[in-house]
Amino acid sequence: MRAVIFDLDGTLVHSAPDIHAAANRMLADVGRPALPLEDVTRFIGNGTAKLVERCLVATGGVGDAQAVALETYRRHFDPVHATLTRPYPGAVQCLEALSAAGLPLGLCTNRPEGSARGLLAKLALDRHFAVVVGGDTTPALKPDPTPLNACLEGLGADGRDAVFVGDSETDAETARRAVIPFALFTGGYRKQPVAAVAAIAGHAATFDDHDSLASHLISR
């Protein structure tokens, strides 16, 4: 084991309440009705543009509103407005344990890189990550393996001596395409049952709490 790479939203942090708030502020600005938290949570996972598109589809259709809505959402989604996002229980301790064990850590998220770095700094998690790859760092988004491979390269690792930790179908498919072991956090934003998501990546470890993840990875 030479490196551990994490997804962010739904894996390390519970950010759906802030994403929901930003989405509803955006919808109000473009004259659309608000959406419930459950709907917006289902839209998370494929990048900012896709989330905005799904919100527009759910409130009357995209039409010619996409560009304005996307710009508006990005303004409301600035980490300075993230007052509801919290690390999952045990996530901070997990990162501290892995760092103390000498494992280099990376972050691979479809959230824009600047937003990811801003949120990590706000939550005092940035010191743990040697490499941060966001949704605009490379030309592709997960589940394309390009961002994950870029993170591996930045850490000086490859799929044979690293693990990718995520919470969703997108993350599982990314791990499969990059040929890297996958660990699934069962408390995140997946849309299918745990077994179905784990099967996407082939054999995947699953965990319910981050303390058990740290113990498992350090012992490998």
Foldseek 3Di string as FASTA:
>chain_A
DAAEEEEPDFFFKPQLVQLLVLLQVLCVVVVFHHDDSVQLLLQPDWAQLSSNQSSQCVGPHDPPCSVVSSVSSVVSLALVNRPPMDTDVPSVVLLVLCVVLVHAYEYAYQYAQVRVCSNCVVRVNNVSHPYYFYNPNDPHHFVPLVRVVVRQVSSVHAQVPYEYEYAELRSLSSCQNRVHAYEHAPRGRYDDDPVVSCPNNPHHHYDPHSVVVSVVVSVD
